[in-house]
Amino acid sequence: MAPTSRLGPKTIFLMKILLNGEMREFEKTKTITDLVSALSLEPKVILIEHNGLALHRVEWSSCILSDGDCIEILQVAAGG
């Protein structure tokens, strides 16, 4: 049952994002930074592509997500 307020039931809006080829739904995710946080990822070890464009980490907080966006997240691994 949806939470209620004095104005009636609250509608929870879920944003659909194609994440690494899989359609996922997220609540309260407005920016790439929010998405990284929602996924509990370590920002220092990932690279993100938003709708085909690679982003610098400093751009994450200003990159606004929209329903249907395509996000690719790559984890950087060091090795020898």
N, C-alpha and C. Protein backbone atom coordinates (compact mmCIF):
# COMPACT_ATOMS: atom_id res chain seq x y z
N MET A 1 0.84 -1.18 0.00
CA MET A 1 0.00 0.00 0.00
C MET A 1 0.89 1.24 0.00
N ALA A 2 0.55 2.21 -0.81
CA ALA A 2 1.34 3.44 -0.91
C ALA A 2 1.16 4.29 0.34
N PRO A 3 2.24 4.99 0.76
CA PRO A 3 2.12 5.88 1.91
C PRO A 3 1.06 6.94 1.63
N THR A 4 0.42 7.43 2.70
CA THR A 4 -0.62 8.44 2.52
C THR A 4 -0.22 9.75 3.19
N SER A 5 -0.81 10.80 2.75
CA SER A 5 -0.66 12.13 3.35
C SER A 5 -2.04 12.72 3.45
N ARG A 6 -2.15 13.93 3.95
CA ARG A 6 -3.47 14.54 4.07
C ARG A 6 -4.09 14.82 2.71
N LEU A 7 -3.29 14.76 1.65
CA LEU A 7 -3.79 14.98 0.30
C LEU A 7 -4.12 13.67 -0.42
N GLY A 8 -3.97 12.54 0.28
CA GLY A 8 -4.26 11.25 -0.33
C GLY A 8 -3.00 10.43 -0.49
N PRO A 9 -3.11 9.29 -1.17
CA PRO A 9 -1.95 8.42 -1.35
C PRO A 9 -0.82 9.12 -2.10
N LYS A 10 0.41 8.87 -1.65
CA LYS A 10 1.57 9.43 -2.33
C LYS A 10 1.94 8.49 -3.47
N THR A 11 2.25 9.07 -4.59
CA THR A 11 2.69 8.29 -5.73
C THR A 11 4.21 8.24 -5.72
N ILE A 12 4.75 7.05 -5.81
CA ILE A 12 6.20 6.89 -5.86
C ILE A 12 6.58 6.71 -7.33
N PHE A 13 7.40 7.63 -7.82
CA PHE A 13 7.81 7.57 -9.21
C PHE A 13 9.13 6.82 -9.32
N LEU A 14 9.14 5.82 -10.16
CA LEU A 14 10.35 5.06 -10.41
C LEU A 14 10.88 5.42 -11.79
N MET A 15 12.16 5.67 -11.86
CA MET A 15 12.81 5.98 -13.13
C MET A 15 13.40 4.69 -13.68
N LYS A 16 13.11 4.42 -14.94
CA LYS A 16 13.67 3.23 -15.60
C LYS A 16 14.95 3.64 -16.32
N ILE A 17 16.01 2.92 -16.03
CA ILE A 17 17.32 3.17 -16.62
C ILE A 17 17.86 1.85 -17.15
N LEU A 18 18.40 1.86 -18.35
CA LEU A 18 19.07 0.69 -18.90
C LEU A 18 20.48 0.69 -18.35
N LEU A 19 20.75 -0.17 -17.39
CA LEU A 19 22.02 -0.21 -16.68
C LEU A 19 22.80 -1.45 -17.09
N ASN A 20 23.91 -1.23 -17.78
CA ASN A 20 24.73 -2.34 -18.27
C ASN A 20 23.89 -3.38 -19.01
N GLY A 21 22.97 -2.90 -19.84
CA GLY A 21 22.17 -3.78 -20.68
C GLY A 21 20.93 -4.36 -20.01
N GLU A 22 20.69 -4.01 -18.74
CA GLU A 22 19.54 -4.54 -18.01
C GLU A 22 18.64 -3.38 -17.56
N MET A 23 17.34 -3.47 -17.86
CA MET A 23 16.41 -2.43 -17.44
C MET A 23 16.22 -2.52 -15.93
N ARG A 24 16.48 -1.40 -15.25
CA ARG A 24 16.35 -1.33 -13.78
C ARG A 24 15.50 -0.13 -13.42
N GLU A 25 14.85 -0.18 -12.27
CA GLU A 25 14.04 0.93 -11.78
C GLU A 25 14.68 1.50 -10.52
N PHE A 26 14.71 2.84 -10.44
CA PHE A 26 15.30 3.53 -9.31
C PHE A 26 14.36 4.60 -8.81
N GLU A 27 14.33 4.76 -7.49
CA GLU A 27 13.53 5.79 -6.85
C GLU A 27 14.48 6.86 -6.31
N LYS A 28 14.12 8.12 -6.46
CA LYS A 28 14.89 9.24 -5.93
C LYS A 28 16.32 9.27 -6.47
N THR A 29 16.48 8.97 -7.73
CA THR A 29 17.79 9.01 -8.37
C THR A 29 17.73 10.09 -9.44
N LYS A 30 18.38 11.23 -9.18
CA LYS A 30 18.31 12.35 -10.09
C LYS A 30 19.59 12.55 -10.89
N THR A 31 20.72 12.19 -10.32
CA THR A 31 22.01 12.41 -10.98
C THR A 31 22.82 11.12 -10.99
N ILE A 32 23.91 11.15 -11.73
CA ILE A 32 24.84 10.02 -11.75
C ILE A 32 25.37 9.77 -10.34
N THR A 33 25.66 10.84 -9.60
CA THR A 33 26.14 10.70 -8.22
C THR A 33 25.12 9.94 -7.38
N ASP A 34 23.83 10.28 -7.53
CA ASP A 34 22.77 9.56 -6.80
C ASP A 34 22.74 8.08 -7.18
N LEU A 35 22.92 7.80 -8.46
CA LEU A 35 22.90 6.42 -8.93
C LEU A 35 24.06 5.62 -8.34
N VAL A 36 25.25 6.20 -8.35
CA VAL A 36 26.43 5.54 -7.78
C VAL A 36 26.18 5.24 -6.31
N SER A 37 25.60 6.18 -5.60
CA SER A 37 25.28 5.99 -4.18
C SER A 37 24.23 4.90 -3.99
N ALA A 38 23.18 4.92 -4.81
CA ALA A 38 22.11 3.92 -4.71
C ALA A 38 22.64 2.51 -4.96
N LEU A 39 23.67 2.40 -5.79
CA LEU A 39 24.26 1.09 -6.11
C LEU A 39 25.39 0.73 -5.16
N SER A 40 25.69 1.61 -4.20
CA SER A 40 26.78 1.39 -3.22
C SER A 40 28.11 1.10 -3.90
N LEU A 41 28.42 1.89 -4.92
CA LEU A 41 29.66 1.71 -5.65
C LEU A 41 30.75 2.66 -5.14
N GLU A 42 31.99 2.25 -5.26
CA GLU A 42 33.13 3.08 -4.88
C GLU A 42 33.51 3.94 -6.08
N PRO A 43 33.27 5.25 -6.01
CA PRO A 43 33.50 6.14 -7.16
C PRO A 43 34.92 6.10 -7.72
N LYS A 44 35.90 5.86 -6.90
CA LYS A 44 37.29 5.90 -7.36
C LYS A 44 37.66 4.77 -8.30
N VAL A 45 36.86 3.71 -8.34
CA VAL A 45 37.25 2.54 -9.14
C VAL A 45 36.27 2.24 -10.28
N ILE A 46 35.44 3.23 -10.66
CA ILE A 46 34.50 2.99 -11.76
C ILE A 46 34.59 4.09 -12.81
N LEU A 47 34.20 3.71 -14.01
CA LEU A 47 34.05 4.64 -15.13
C LEU A 47 32.59 4.55 -15.57
N ILE A 48 32.02 5.70 -15.96
CA ILE A 48 30.61 5.72 -16.32
C ILE A 48 30.41 6.35 -17.68
N GLU A 49 29.55 5.68 -18.47
CA GLU A 49 29.15 6.19 -19.77
C GLU A 49 27.65 6.47 -19.69
N HIS A 50 27.24 7.67 -20.07
CA HIS A 50 25.83 8.09 -20.04
C HIS A 50 25.36 8.35 -21.46
N ASN A 51 24.46 7.51 -21.94
CA ASN A 51 23.94 7.62 -23.31
C ASN A 51 25.05 7.73 -24.35
N GLY A 52 26.08 6.89 -24.17
CA GLY A 52 27.17 6.82 -25.15
C GLY A 52 28.30 7.80 -24.93
N LEU A 53 28.21 8.64 -23.90
CA LEU A 53 29.23 9.64 -23.64
C LEU A 53 29.94 9.34 -22.32
N ALA A 54 31.24 9.15 -22.37
CA ALA A 54 32.02 8.91 -21.15
C ALA A 54 32.06 10.19 -20.32
N LEU A 55 31.88 10.03 -19.01
CA LEU A 55 31.83 11.18 -18.11
C LEU A 55 33.04 11.22 -17.19
N HIS A 56 33.53 12.43 -16.93
CA HIS A 56 34.53 12.62 -15.89
C HIS A 56 33.80 12.62 -14.55
N ARG A 57 34.46 12.19 -13.51
CA ARG A 57 33.84 12.11 -12.19
C ARG A 57 33.27 13.46 -11.74
N VAL A 58 33.93 14.56 -12.09
CA VAL A 58 33.45 15.89 -11.69
C VAL A 58 32.12 16.25 -12.35
N GLU A 59 31.75 15.54 -13.42
CA GLU A 59 30.48 15.80 -14.12
C GLU A 59 29.29 15.03 -13.53
N TRP A 60 29.55 14.06 -12.69
CA TRP A 60 28.50 13.18 -12.19
C TRP A 60 27.38 13.93 -11.48
N SER A 61 27.72 14.90 -10.65
CA SER A 61 26.69 15.58 -9.86
C SER A 61 25.83 16.53 -10.71
N SER A 62 26.32 16.92 -11.87
CA SER A 62 25.55 17.82 -12.72
C SER A 62 24.87 17.08 -13.89
N CYS A 63 25.10 15.80 -14.00
CA CYS A 63 24.50 15.01 -15.07
C CYS A 63 23.14 14.48 -14.60
N ILE A 64 22.08 15.11 -15.08
CA ILE A 64 20.71 14.76 -14.69
C ILE A 64 20.23 13.55 -15.49
N LEU A 65 19.70 12.57 -14.78
CA LEU A 65 19.19 11.36 -15.41
C LEU A 65 17.75 11.55 -15.84
N SER A 66 17.37 10.87 -16.92
CA SER A 66 16.00 10.87 -17.42
C SER A 66 15.55 9.44 -17.62
N ASP A 67 14.24 9.25 -17.55
CA ASP A 67 13.66 7.94 -17.77
C ASP A 67 14.13 7.41 -19.13
N GLY A 68 14.62 6.18 -19.16
CA GLY A 68 15.06 5.56 -20.40
C GLY A 68 16.53 5.75 -20.74
N ASP A 69 17.26 6.49 -19.89
CA ASP A 69 18.70 6.68 -20.15
C ASP A 69 19.43 5.35 -20.16
N CYS A 70 20.54 5.32 -20.88
CA CYS A 70 21.39 4.15 -20.96
C CYS A 70 22.70 4.45 -20.21
N ILE A 71 22.97 3.67 -19.18
CA ILE A 71 24.16 3.85 -18.35
C ILE A 71 25.01 2.60 -18.42
N GLU A 72 26.28 2.77 -18.68
CA GLU A 72 27.24 1.66 -18.62
C GLU A 72 28.23 1.99 -17.52
N ILE A 73 28.44 1.07 -16.62
CA ILE A 73 29.40 1.25 -15.53
C ILE A 73 30.47 0.17 -15.65
N LEU A 74 31.70 0.64 -15.70
CA LEU A 74 32.84 -0.27 -15.79
C LEU A 74 33.67 -0.14 -14.53
N GLN A 75 34.06 -1.27 -13.97
CA GLN A 75 34.91 -1.26 -12.78
C GLN A 75 36.35 -1.42 -13.22
N VAL A 76 37.19 -0.51 -12.74
CA VAL A 76 38.60 -0.53 -13.07
C VAL A 76 39.29 -1.51 -12.14
N ALA A 77 40.09 -2.40 -12.73
CA ALA A 77 40.82 -3.37 -11.92
C ALA A 77 42.28 -3.30 -12.33
N ALA A 78 43.14 -3.17 -11.34
CA ALA A 78 44.58 -3.17 -11.60
C ALA A 78 45.09 -4.60 -11.49
N GLY A 79 46.05 -4.89 -12.26
CA GLY A 79 46.60 -6.24 -12.21
C GLY A 79 47.91 -6.31 -12.96
N GLY A 80 48.49 -7.43 -12.90
CA GLY A 80 49.77 -7.55 -13.56
C GLY A 80 49.92 -8.84 -14.28
